[in-house]
Amino acid sequence: MRTSKELLPWLDEQKCVPHHEIVLKFYQNFSRFSCTYDEDNSVKTDVEYQMDSNNTLRTLKSEPRKIEKSFHWKELLADFKTVIKPQLRVKRLQLTLRLDDVDFGMIRACSIKIQVKEFILETRTILFNSNNFEQCTITVDSRLDMNTIGHEFGNAIRENPNIYHYPMSDSMEYFEMSATLTSLEVAKKRCMIRM
């Protein structure tokens, strides 16, 4: 049995996080999530957890499956944050935020923040309705130079507002990306974040 604060060291001990350091904000209503870690597209480990009323994590199962994270919530906000260390030479990171079986009267906005070190480089708010897209994707490409960040990001938005491309330089100490879902009412919904 592991508490939320013990999750990262414990995952590292289990060698379930070979390339990614995952930082999660836990809420009282944050009850369950599953995740898959992909090491060089060769080793995939899936671990599914259940958090009980005492904020203690319990492993439900571990098996190969799709790279995804599942969240259930009843409060107004659900946050996901991931920190990627560039020295791990992650060539491309793609994070897709997809809303499944969502009443769009309940979910109205998704806010994306992209941050390098202490500098917030970009903040975007995406409004959802029944007539537009149901997902947004952020792609981080380490082959691009830091000087092209603004240019590439702007072009990506103009070409396709659903997809955000952002370069990651090997010189960065860390790259931080977070997504926040906002609901107008208190409801239990599901959000899937695919890496």
N, C-alpha and C. Protein backbone atom coordinates (compact mmCIF):
# COMPACT_ATOMS: atom_id res chain seq x y z
N MET A 1 0.84 -1.18 0.00
CA MET A 1 0.00 0.00 0.00
C MET A 1 0.88 1.24 0.00
N ARG A 2 0.61 2.14 -0.92
CA ARG A 2 1.43 3.33 -1.05
C ARG A 2 0.55 4.57 -1.03
N THR A 3 1.03 5.61 -0.36
CA THR A 3 0.33 6.88 -0.41
C THR A 3 0.74 7.63 -1.66
N SER A 4 0.02 8.70 -1.96
CA SER A 4 0.30 9.46 -3.17
C SER A 4 1.72 10.03 -3.15
N LYS A 5 2.20 10.45 -1.99
CA LYS A 5 3.54 11.03 -1.90
C LYS A 5 4.62 9.99 -2.15
N GLU A 6 4.29 8.74 -1.93
CA GLU A 6 5.27 7.67 -2.11
C GLU A 6 5.24 7.09 -3.51
N LEU A 7 4.34 7.58 -4.37
CA LEU A 7 4.15 6.98 -5.68
C LEU A 7 5.40 7.03 -6.54
N LEU A 8 6.00 8.22 -6.68
CA LEU A 8 7.14 8.35 -7.59
C LEU A 8 8.33 7.50 -7.18
N PRO A 9 8.78 7.57 -5.93
CA PRO A 9 9.92 6.71 -5.54
C PRO A 9 9.61 5.23 -5.72
N TRP A 10 8.39 4.86 -5.39
CA TRP A 10 8.02 3.45 -5.51
C TRP A 10 8.00 3.00 -6.97
N LEU A 11 7.45 3.82 -7.86
CA LEU A 11 7.46 3.48 -9.27
C LEU A 11 8.88 3.35 -9.80
N ASP A 12 9.75 4.24 -9.33
CA ASP A 12 11.14 4.18 -9.78
C ASP A 12 11.79 2.88 -9.32
N GLU A 13 11.49 2.47 -8.09
CA GLU A 13 12.03 1.21 -7.59
C GLU A 13 11.54 0.03 -8.42
N GLN A 14 10.31 0.12 -8.89
CA GLN A 14 9.74 -0.96 -9.69
C GLN A 14 10.16 -0.88 -11.15
N LYS A 15 10.96 0.15 -11.47
CA LYS A 15 11.44 0.36 -12.84
C LYS A 15 10.28 0.53 -13.82
N CYS A 16 9.23 1.17 -13.35
CA CYS A 16 8.08 1.43 -14.21
C CYS A 16 8.17 2.79 -14.89
N VAL A 17 9.14 3.59 -14.50
CA VAL A 17 9.28 4.92 -15.10
C VAL A 17 10.69 5.04 -15.65
N PRO A 18 11.00 4.34 -16.73
CA PRO A 18 12.37 4.35 -17.25
C PRO A 18 12.78 5.67 -17.87
N HIS A 19 11.83 6.42 -18.43
CA HIS A 19 12.19 7.64 -19.15
C HIS A 19 11.38 8.85 -18.72
N HIS A 20 10.31 8.65 -18.02
CA HIS A 20 9.42 9.77 -17.71
C HIS A 20 9.27 9.92 -16.20
N GLU A 21 9.29 11.14 -15.77
CA GLU A 21 8.97 11.44 -14.38
C GLU A 21 7.57 12.04 -14.36
N ILE A 22 6.65 11.38 -13.71
CA ILE A 22 5.26 11.80 -13.72
C ILE A 22 4.95 12.47 -12.39
N VAL A 23 4.38 13.66 -12.45
CA VAL A 23 3.98 14.39 -11.26
C VAL A 23 2.48 14.59 -11.32
N LEU A 24 1.77 14.10 -10.34
CA LEU A 24 0.32 14.19 -10.34
C LEU A 24 -0.15 14.98 -9.13
N LYS A 25 -1.16 15.81 -9.33
CA LYS A 25 -1.79 16.51 -8.23
C LYS A 25 -2.96 15.66 -7.74
N PHE A 26 -2.93 15.29 -6.49
CA PHE A 26 -3.97 14.43 -5.95
C PHE A 26 -5.04 15.25 -5.25
N TYR A 27 -6.28 14.87 -5.49
CA TYR A 27 -7.41 15.49 -4.83
C TYR A 27 -8.16 14.41 -4.05
N GLN A 28 -9.02 14.81 -3.16
CA GLN A 28 -9.78 13.84 -2.40
C GLN A 28 -10.65 12.98 -3.31
N ASN A 29 -11.10 13.56 -4.40
CA ASN A 29 -11.97 12.83 -5.33
C ASN A 29 -11.18 12.07 -6.38
N PHE A 30 -9.86 12.19 -6.34
CA PHE A 30 -9.02 11.52 -7.34
C PHE A 30 -8.92 10.06 -6.93
N SER A 31 -9.68 9.19 -7.60
CA SER A 31 -9.85 7.85 -7.08
C SER A 31 -9.10 6.77 -7.86
N ARG A 32 -8.88 6.99 -9.16
CA ARG A 32 -8.32 5.88 -9.92
C ARG A 32 -7.60 6.39 -11.17
N PHE A 33 -6.50 5.76 -11.52
CA PHE A 33 -5.83 6.09 -12.77
C PHE A 33 -5.01 4.89 -13.23
N SER A 34 -4.75 4.86 -14.53
CA SER A 34 -3.90 3.82 -15.10
C SER A 34 -2.90 4.47 -16.03
N CYS A 35 -1.72 3.91 -16.16
CA CYS A 35 -0.71 4.53 -17.01
C CYS A 35 0.21 3.47 -17.60
N THR A 36 0.75 3.80 -18.76
CA THR A 36 1.70 2.92 -19.43
C THR A 36 2.95 3.71 -19.75
N TYR A 37 4.11 3.15 -19.48
CA TYR A 37 5.38 3.81 -19.75
C TYR A 37 6.08 3.05 -20.87
N ASP A 38 6.54 3.79 -21.87
CA ASP A 38 7.15 3.19 -23.05
C ASP A 38 8.63 3.55 -23.07
N GLU A 39 9.50 2.57 -23.02
CA GLU A 39 10.94 2.79 -23.03
C GLU A 39 11.49 2.44 -24.41
N ASP A 40 11.86 3.48 -25.16
CA ASP A 40 12.45 3.29 -26.49
C ASP A 40 11.56 2.44 -27.40
N ASN A 41 10.25 2.58 -27.23
CA ASN A 41 9.30 1.85 -28.06
C ASN A 41 9.49 0.34 -28.00
N SER A 42 10.06 -0.15 -26.92
CA SER A 42 10.32 -1.59 -26.83
C SER A 42 9.77 -2.21 -25.56
N VAL A 43 9.88 -1.51 -24.44
CA VAL A 43 9.43 -2.05 -23.17
C VAL A 43 8.23 -1.24 -22.69
N LYS A 44 7.11 -1.90 -22.55
CA LYS A 44 5.90 -1.22 -22.10
C LYS A 44 5.41 -1.86 -20.81
N THR A 45 5.17 -1.02 -19.84
CA THR A 45 4.68 -1.50 -18.55
C THR A 45 3.44 -0.72 -18.18
N ASP A 46 2.39 -1.44 -17.88
CA ASP A 46 1.15 -0.79 -17.48
C ASP A 46 0.86 -1.12 -16.02
N VAL A 47 0.52 -0.10 -15.27
CA VAL A 47 0.15 -0.30 -13.87
C VAL A 47 -1.14 0.46 -13.62
N GLU A 48 -2.10 -0.20 -13.03
CA GLU A 48 -3.36 0.46 -12.70
C GLU A 48 -3.51 0.51 -11.19
N TYR A 49 -3.94 1.66 -10.70
CA TYR A 49 -4.02 1.88 -9.26
C TYR A 49 -5.43 2.28 -8.85
N GLN A 50 -5.72 2.02 -7.61
CA GLN A 50 -6.96 2.49 -7.00
C GLN A 50 -6.58 3.24 -5.73
N MET A 51 -7.10 4.46 -5.58
CA MET A 51 -6.83 5.22 -4.36
C MET A 51 -8.05 5.16 -3.47
N ASP A 52 -7.87 4.72 -2.23
CA ASP A 52 -9.01 4.59 -1.33
C ASP A 52 -9.27 5.89 -0.60
N SER A 53 -10.20 5.85 0.33
CA SER A 53 -10.61 7.07 1.05
C SER A 53 -9.50 7.64 1.91
N ASN A 54 -8.48 6.84 2.22
CA ASN A 54 -7.35 7.31 3.02
C ASN A 54 -6.18 7.79 2.16
N ASN A 55 -6.47 8.02 0.86
CA ASN A 55 -5.43 8.46 -0.08
C ASN A 55 -4.27 7.47 -0.15
N THR A 56 -4.60 6.20 -0.07
CA THR A 56 -3.60 5.15 -0.19
C THR A 56 -3.77 4.45 -1.53
N LEU A 57 -2.66 4.29 -2.24
CA LEU A 57 -2.70 3.66 -3.56
C LEU A 57 -2.59 2.14 -3.44
N ARG A 58 -3.39 1.46 -4.22
CA ARG A 58 -3.36 0.00 -4.26
C ARG A 58 -3.24 -0.43 -5.71
N THR A 59 -2.29 -1.30 -6.01
CA THR A 59 -2.12 -1.78 -7.37
C THR A 59 -3.22 -2.76 -7.72
N LEU A 60 -3.92 -2.48 -8.82
CA LEU A 60 -4.99 -3.36 -9.26
C LEU A 60 -4.48 -4.42 -10.23
N LYS A 61 -3.67 -3.98 -11.20
CA LYS A 61 -3.13 -4.93 -12.16
C LYS A 61 -1.96 -4.30 -12.89
N SER A 62 -1.17 -5.11 -13.55
CA SER A 62 -0.04 -4.63 -14.33
C SER A 62 0.07 -5.51 -15.57
N GLU A 63 -0.15 -4.90 -16.73
CA GLU A 63 -0.13 -5.65 -17.98
C GLU A 63 0.06 -4.70 -19.15
N PRO A 64 0.51 -5.20 -20.31
CA PRO A 64 0.64 -4.35 -21.50
C PRO A 64 -0.72 -3.86 -21.98
N ARG A 65 -0.79 -2.62 -22.35
CA ARG A 65 -2.02 -2.06 -22.90
C ARG A 65 -1.70 -0.72 -23.53
N LYS A 66 -2.71 -0.01 -23.97
CA LYS A 66 -2.50 1.27 -24.62
C LYS A 66 -1.90 2.27 -23.64
N ILE A 67 -1.18 3.25 -24.21
CA ILE A 67 -0.56 4.28 -23.39
C ILE A 67 -1.62 5.32 -23.05
N GLU A 68 -2.12 5.26 -21.87
CA GLU A 68 -3.19 6.19 -21.52
C GLU A 68 -3.26 6.37 -20.01
N LYS A 69 -3.93 7.42 -19.63
CA LYS A 69 -4.19 7.68 -18.22
C LYS A 69 -5.67 7.96 -18.08
N SER A 70 -6.29 7.38 -17.09
CA SER A 70 -7.72 7.56 -16.90
C SER A 70 -7.96 8.29 -15.58
N PHE A 71 -8.81 9.29 -15.63
CA PHE A 71 -9.14 10.07 -14.46
C PHE A 71 -10.65 10.07 -14.25
N HIS A 72 -11.06 9.98 -13.01
CA HIS A 72 -12.46 10.18 -12.66
C HIS A 72 -12.50 11.31 -11.64
N TRP A 73 -13.46 12.19 -11.78
CA TRP A 73 -13.52 13.30 -10.83
C TRP A 73 -14.95 13.76 -10.61
N LYS A 74 -15.18 14.37 -9.47
CA LYS A 74 -16.48 14.93 -9.13
C LYS A 74 -16.39 16.40 -8.81
N GLU A 75 -15.17 16.92 -8.72
CA GLU A 75 -14.98 18.33 -8.41
C GLU A 75 -14.91 19.14 -9.69
N LEU A 76 -14.58 20.41 -9.58
CA LEU A 76 -14.57 21.29 -10.74
C LEU A 76 -13.30 21.18 -11.57
N LEU A 77 -12.22 20.76 -10.97
CA LEU A 77 -10.94 20.74 -11.68
C LEU A 77 -10.28 19.38 -11.60
N ALA A 78 -9.61 19.00 -12.66
CA ALA A 78 -8.75 17.81 -12.66
C ALA A 78 -7.47 18.18 -13.38
N ASP A 79 -6.35 18.03 -12.74
CA ASP A 79 -5.07 18.48 -13.29
C ASP A 79 -4.17 17.31 -13.64
N PHE A 80 -3.43 17.50 -14.69
CA PHE A 80 -2.39 16.54 -15.07
C PHE A 80 -1.13 17.33 -15.37
N LYS A 81 -0.02 16.90 -14.83
CA LYS A 81 1.24 17.59 -15.07
C LYS A 81 2.32 16.54 -15.32
N THR A 82 3.12 16.76 -16.32
CA THR A 82 4.22 15.85 -16.57
C THR A 82 5.50 16.64 -16.79
N VAL A 83 6.58 16.16 -16.23
CA VAL A 83 7.89 16.79 -16.37
C VAL A 83 8.79 15.82 -17.13
N ILE A 84 9.31 16.26 -18.26
CA ILE A 84 10.16 15.43 -19.09
C ILE A 84 11.60 15.93 -18.98
N LYS A 85 12.52 15.06 -18.63
CA LYS A 85 13.92 15.44 -18.52
C LYS A 85 14.61 15.28 -19.86
N PRO A 86 15.11 16.35 -20.46
CA PRO A 86 15.68 16.27 -21.81
C PRO A 86 16.92 15.42 -21.92
N GLN A 87 17.65 15.25 -20.82
CA GLN A 87 18.85 14.43 -20.92
C GLN A 87 18.52 12.97 -21.21
N LEU A 88 17.24 12.63 -21.10
CA LEU A 88 16.83 11.27 -21.44
C LEU A 88 16.66 11.10 -22.94
N ARG A 89 16.86 12.19 -23.69
CA ARG A 89 16.83 12.15 -25.15
C ARG A 89 15.48 11.65 -25.67
N VAL A 90 14.43 12.21 -25.14
CA VAL A 90 13.11 11.89 -25.65
C VAL A 90 12.95 12.62 -26.98
N LYS A 91 12.88 11.87 -28.06
CA LYS A 91 12.84 12.48 -29.39
C LYS A 91 11.50 13.14 -29.68
N ARG A 92 10.44 12.52 -29.26
CA ARG A 92 9.13 13.10 -29.53
C ARG A 92 8.16 12.66 -28.44
N LEU A 93 7.49 13.63 -27.88
CA LEU A 93 6.46 13.36 -26.88
C LEU A 93 5.14 13.90 -27.38
N GLN A 94 4.15 13.07 -27.42
CA GLN A 94 2.83 13.53 -27.84
C GLN A 94 1.82 13.23 -26.75
N LEU A 95 1.14 14.24 -26.31
CA LEU A 95 0.14 14.10 -25.27
C LEU A 95 -1.20 14.51 -25.86
N THR A 96 -2.16 13.61 -25.84
CA THR A 96 -3.48 13.89 -26.38
C THR A 96 -4.49 13.88 -25.24
N LEU A 97 -5.24 14.94 -25.16
CA LEU A 97 -6.29 15.05 -24.16
C LEU A 97 -7.61 14.76 -24.86
N ARG A 98 -8.22 13.65 -24.54
CA ARG A 98 -9.44 13.24 -25.21
C ARG A 98 -10.57 13.10 -24.20
N LEU A 99 -11.71 13.64 -24.53
CA LEU A 99 -12.87 13.55 -23.65
C LEU A 99 -13.79 12.46 -24.18
N ASP A 100 -14.00 11.42 -23.41
CA ASP A 100 -14.85 10.31 -23.81
C ASP A 100 -16.16 10.34 -23.05
N ASP A 101 -17.25 10.16 -23.77
CA ASP A 101 -18.57 10.09 -23.15
C ASP A 101 -18.83 11.28 -22.24
N VAL A 102 -18.54 12.44 -22.76
CA VAL A 102 -18.66 13.66 -21.97
C VAL A 102 -19.87 14.46 -22.42
N ASP A 103 -20.65 14.91 -21.48
CA ASP A 103 -21.74 15.83 -21.77
C ASP A 103 -21.12 17.22 -21.90
N PHE A 104 -21.14 17.78 -23.09
CA PHE A 104 -20.45 19.05 -23.31
C PHE A 104 -21.13 20.21 -22.59
N GLY A 105 -22.29 19.96 -22.02
CA GLY A 105 -22.88 20.97 -21.16
C GLY A 105 -22.18 21.03 -19.82
N MET A 106 -21.41 19.97 -19.50
CA MET A 106 -20.70 19.91 -18.23
C MET A 106 -19.26 20.39 -18.37
N ILE A 107 -18.60 19.99 -19.45
CA ILE A 107 -17.20 20.35 -19.66
C ILE A 107 -17.14 21.48 -20.67
N ARG A 108 -16.57 22.59 -20.30
CA ARG A 108 -16.58 23.76 -21.17
C ARG A 108 -15.21 24.23 -21.63
N ALA A 109 -14.16 23.87 -20.92
CA ALA A 109 -12.86 24.44 -21.29
C ALA A 109 -11.72 23.52 -20.90
N CYS A 110 -10.63 23.63 -21.66
CA CYS A 110 -9.38 22.95 -21.34
C CYS A 110 -8.27 23.98 -21.45
N SER A 111 -7.50 24.14 -20.40
CA SER A 111 -6.40 25.11 -20.39
C SER A 111 -5.07 24.38 -20.48
N ILE A 112 -4.24 24.79 -21.42
CA ILE A 112 -2.92 24.19 -21.62
C ILE A 112 -1.85 25.21 -21.25
N LYS A 113 -0.92 24.82 -20.40
CA LYS A 113 0.20 25.69 -20.05
C LYS A 113 1.50 24.98 -20.41
N ILE A 114 2.36 25.68 -21.14
CA ILE A 114 3.67 25.14 -21.51
C ILE A 114 4.74 25.99 -20.83
N GLN A 115 5.62 25.35 -20.07
CA GLN A 115 6.57 26.07 -19.25
C GLN A 115 7.95 25.43 -19.35
N VAL A 116 8.97 26.26 -19.48
CA VAL A 116 10.36 25.82 -19.44
C VAL A 116 11.04 26.56 -18.30
N LYS A 117 11.59 25.78 -17.37
CA LYS A 117 12.16 26.36 -16.16
C LYS A 117 11.11 27.22 -15.48
N GLU A 118 11.45 28.47 -15.13
CA GLU A 118 10.46 29.30 -14.45
C GLU A 118 9.65 30.14 -15.42
N PHE A 119 9.88 29.98 -16.71
CA PHE A 119 9.21 30.82 -17.70
C PHE A 119 8.01 30.09 -18.30
N ILE A 120 6.86 30.71 -18.22
CA ILE A 120 5.66 30.19 -18.87
C ILE A 120 5.68 30.68 -20.30
N LEU A 121 5.90 29.77 -21.25
CA LEU A 121 6.06 30.16 -22.64
C LEU A 121 4.73 30.36 -23.35
N GLU A 122 3.76 29.60 -22.97
CA GLU A 122 2.49 29.71 -23.68
C GLU A 122 1.37 29.19 -22.79
N THR A 123 0.24 29.87 -22.83
CA THR A 123 -0.96 29.41 -22.14
C THR A 123 -2.12 29.53 -23.10
N ARG A 124 -2.83 28.45 -23.27
CA ARG A 124 -3.96 28.44 -24.19
C ARG A 124 -5.19 27.87 -23.48
N THR A 125 -6.33 28.45 -23.77
CA THR A 125 -7.60 27.93 -23.26
C THR A 125 -8.45 27.50 -24.44
N ILE A 126 -8.87 26.25 -24.44
CA ILE A 126 -9.67 25.70 -25.52
C ILE A 126 -11.10 25.53 -25.02
N LEU A 127 -12.04 26.11 -25.71
CA LEU A 127 -13.44 25.99 -25.35
C LEU A 127 -14.08 24.84 -26.11
N PHE A 128 -14.80 24.01 -25.40
CA PHE A 128 -15.45 22.86 -26.01
C PHE A 128 -16.93 23.14 -26.21
N ASN A 129 -17.46 22.68 -27.33
CA ASN A 129 -18.90 22.62 -27.51
C ASN A 129 -19.21 21.47 -28.45
N SER A 130 -20.46 21.21 -28.68
CA SER A 130 -20.85 20.03 -29.45
C SER A 130 -20.49 20.15 -30.92
N ASN A 131 -20.10 21.34 -31.37
CA ASN A 131 -19.83 21.54 -32.79
C ASN A 131 -18.35 21.55 -33.14
N ASN A 132 -17.47 21.50 -32.13
CA ASN A 132 -16.04 21.53 -32.46
C ASN A 132 -15.37 20.24 -32.02
N PHE A 133 -14.05 20.25 -31.93
CA PHE A 133 -13.30 19.03 -31.69
C PHE A 133 -13.44 18.53 -30.26
N GLU A 134 -13.14 17.26 -30.08
CA GLU A 134 -13.24 16.62 -28.77
C GLU A 134 -11.88 16.29 -28.18
N GLN A 135 -10.82 16.70 -28.83
CA GLN A 135 -9.50 16.42 -28.28
C GLN A 135 -8.49 17.45 -28.78
N CYS A 136 -7.41 17.59 -28.04
CA CYS A 136 -6.31 18.45 -28.46
C CYS A 136 -5.02 17.70 -28.19
N THR A 137 -4.02 17.93 -29.01
CA THR A 137 -2.77 17.19 -28.91
C THR A 137 -1.60 18.16 -28.84
N ILE A 138 -0.64 17.87 -27.95
CA ILE A 138 0.60 18.62 -27.88
C ILE A 138 1.73 17.68 -28.27
N THR A 139 2.54 18.09 -29.23
CA THR A 139 3.69 17.30 -29.66
C THR A 139 4.96 18.07 -29.36
N VAL A 140 5.89 17.44 -28.68
CA VAL A 140 7.18 18.05 -28.35
C VAL A 140 8.25 17.37 -29.19
N ASP A 141 8.98 18.14 -29.96
CA ASP A 141 9.98 17.59 -30.88
C ASP A 141 11.35 18.15 -30.53
N SER A 142 12.26 17.29 -30.07
CA SER A 142 13.58 17.76 -29.63
C SER A 142 14.49 18.10 -30.80
N ARG A 143 14.10 17.80 -32.03
CA ARG A 143 14.95 18.09 -33.18
C ARG A 143 14.94 19.58 -33.53
N LEU A 144 13.97 20.31 -33.01
CA LEU A 144 13.88 21.74 -33.31
C LEU A 144 14.68 22.53 -32.30
N ASP A 145 15.18 23.66 -32.73
CA ASP A 145 15.99 24.51 -31.87
C ASP A 145 15.09 25.42 -31.04
N MET A 146 15.60 25.84 -29.88
CA MET A 146 14.82 26.72 -29.00
C MET A 146 14.43 28.01 -29.71
N ASN A 147 15.24 28.49 -30.64
CA ASN A 147 14.95 29.74 -31.32
C ASN A 147 13.70 29.67 -32.19
N THR A 148 13.28 28.46 -32.52
CA THR A 148 12.11 28.31 -33.40
C THR A 148 10.83 28.04 -32.61
N ILE A 149 10.92 28.12 -31.30
CA ILE A 149 9.76 27.76 -30.48
C ILE A 149 8.53 28.57 -30.86
N GLY A 150 8.65 29.88 -30.79
CA GLY A 150 7.49 30.72 -31.07
C GLY A 150 6.97 30.54 -32.48
N HIS A 151 7.87 30.44 -33.46
CA HIS A 151 7.48 30.30 -34.86
C HIS A 151 6.71 28.99 -35.08
N GLU A 152 7.27 27.89 -34.58
CA GLU A 152 6.63 26.60 -34.79
C GLU A 152 5.29 26.53 -34.08
N PHE A 153 5.22 27.07 -32.88
CA PHE A 153 3.98 27.02 -32.11
C PHE A 153 2.89 27.82 -32.81
N GLY A 154 3.25 29.00 -33.31
CA GLY A 154 2.27 29.83 -34.00
C GLY A 154 1.78 29.19 -35.28
N ASN A 155 2.69 28.61 -36.06
CA ASN A 155 2.29 27.94 -37.30
C ASN A 155 1.38 26.76 -37.03
N ALA A 156 1.68 26.01 -35.99
CA ALA A 156 0.87 24.83 -35.69
C ALA A 156 -0.56 25.23 -35.35
N ILE A 157 -0.70 26.32 -34.60
CA ILE A 157 -2.04 26.76 -34.23
C ILE A 157 -2.80 27.24 -35.45
N ARG A 158 -2.12 27.96 -36.34
CA ARG A 158 -2.80 28.46 -37.54
C ARG A 158 -3.20 27.33 -38.48
N GLU A 159 -2.35 26.30 -38.56
CA GLU A 159 -2.63 25.20 -39.46
C GLU A 159 -3.73 24.29 -38.92
N ASN A 160 -3.72 24.03 -37.65
CA ASN A 160 -4.71 23.15 -37.05
C ASN A 160 -4.85 23.50 -35.58
N PRO A 161 -5.92 24.14 -35.19
CA PRO A 161 -6.08 24.56 -33.79
C PRO A 161 -6.19 23.39 -32.83
N ASN A 162 -6.40 22.19 -33.35
CA ASN A 162 -6.51 21.02 -32.47
C ASN A 162 -5.15 20.49 -32.04
N ILE A 163 -4.10 20.81 -32.81
CA ILE A 163 -2.79 20.21 -32.57
C ILE A 163 -1.77 21.30 -32.26
N TYR A 164 -1.00 21.12 -31.20
CA TYR A 164 0.00 22.08 -30.78
C TYR A 164 1.37 21.42 -30.85
N HIS A 165 2.25 21.97 -31.66
CA HIS A 165 3.61 21.44 -31.77
C HIS A 165 4.55 22.35 -30.98
N TYR A 166 5.43 21.73 -30.24
CA TYR A 166 6.35 22.53 -29.44
C TYR A 166 7.70 21.83 -29.36
N PRO A 167 8.79 22.50 -29.67
CA PRO A 167 10.10 21.84 -29.65
C PRO A 167 10.67 21.72 -28.25
N MET A 168 11.49 20.74 -28.05
CA MET A 168 12.16 20.54 -26.77
C MET A 168 13.66 20.47 -27.02
N SER A 169 14.40 21.36 -26.41
CA SER A 169 15.85 21.41 -26.60
C SER A 169 16.56 20.54 -25.57
N ASP A 170 17.67 19.94 -25.97
CA ASP A 170 18.46 19.14 -25.03
C ASP A 170 19.07 20.00 -23.94
N SER A 171 19.10 21.32 -24.15
CA SER A 171 19.70 22.21 -23.16
C SER A 171 18.74 22.57 -22.04
N MET A 172 17.49 22.22 -22.19
CA MET A 172 16.52 22.55 -21.15
C MET A 172 16.78 21.71 -19.91
N GLU A 173 16.60 22.33 -18.76
CA GLU A 173 16.69 21.57 -17.53
C GLU A 173 15.46 20.69 -17.36
N TYR A 174 14.32 21.23 -17.70
CA TYR A 174 13.12 20.41 -17.72
C TYR A 174 12.06 21.11 -18.55
N PHE A 175 11.12 20.34 -18.96
CA PHE A 175 10.00 20.84 -19.76
C PHE A 175 8.73 20.46 -19.01
N GLU A 176 7.90 21.44 -18.76
CA GLU A 176 6.71 21.20 -17.96
C GLU A 176 5.46 21.51 -18.76
N MET A 177 4.50 20.63 -18.69
CA MET A 177 3.27 20.82 -19.44
C MET A 177 2.11 20.39 -18.55
N SER A 178 1.09 21.19 -18.47
CA SER A 178 -0.05 20.83 -17.64
C SER A 178 -1.34 21.13 -18.37
N ALA A 179 -2.36 20.35 -18.08
CA ALA A 179 -3.68 20.55 -18.67
C ALA A 179 -4.71 20.56 -17.56
N THR A 180 -5.65 21.47 -17.64
CA THR A 180 -6.69 21.59 -16.64
C THR A 180 -8.05 21.55 -17.31
N LEU A 181 -8.91 20.69 -16.83
CA LEU A 181 -10.29 20.63 -17.32
C LEU A 181 -11.18 21.38 -16.35
N THR A 182 -12.08 22.17 -16.89
CA THR A 182 -12.97 22.96 -16.06
C THR A 182 -14.41 22.57 -16.36
N SER A 183 -15.17 22.29 -15.34
CA SER A 183 -16.58 21.94 -15.49
C SER A 183 -17.43 23.00 -14.82
N LEU A 184 -18.62 23.22 -15.36
CA LEU A 184 -19.52 24.20 -14.78
C LEU A 184 -20.29 23.64 -13.60
N GLU A 185 -20.41 22.34 -13.54
CA GLU A 185 -21.17 21.71 -12.47
C GLU A 185 -20.35 20.60 -11.84
N VAL A 186 -20.79 20.18 -10.66
CA VAL A 186 -20.13 19.08 -9.99
C VAL A 186 -20.68 17.78 -10.57
N ALA A 187 -19.82 17.02 -11.23
CA ALA A 187 -20.27 15.79 -11.87
C ALA A 187 -19.10 14.83 -11.99
N LYS A 188 -19.40 13.56 -12.01
CA LYS A 188 -18.36 12.55 -12.18
C LYS A 188 -18.21 12.27 -13.66
N LYS A 189 -17.05 12.64 -14.20
CA LYS A 189 -16.80 12.46 -15.62
C LYS A 189 -15.47 11.75 -15.81
N ARG A 190 -15.18 11.42 -17.03
CA ARG A 190 -13.95 10.69 -17.33
C ARG A 190 -13.12 11.47 -18.33
N CYS A 191 -11.84 11.57 -18.05
CA CYS A 191 -10.90 12.22 -18.95
C CYS A 191 -9.75 11.25 -19.20
N MET A 192 -9.41 11.05 -20.47
CA MET A 192 -8.31 10.15 -20.80
C MET A 192 -7.18 10.96 -21.42
N ILE A 193 -6.00 10.81 -20.88
CA ILE A 193 -4.82 11.50 -21.39
C ILE A 193 -3.88 10.45 -21.94
N ARG A 194 -3.64 10.52 -23.24
CA ARG A 194 -2.79 9.53 -23.89
C ARG A 194 -1.43 10.12 -24.20
N MET A 195 -0.39 9.39 -23.87
CA MET A 195 0.97 9.80 -24.16
C MET A 195 1.50 8.96 -25.31
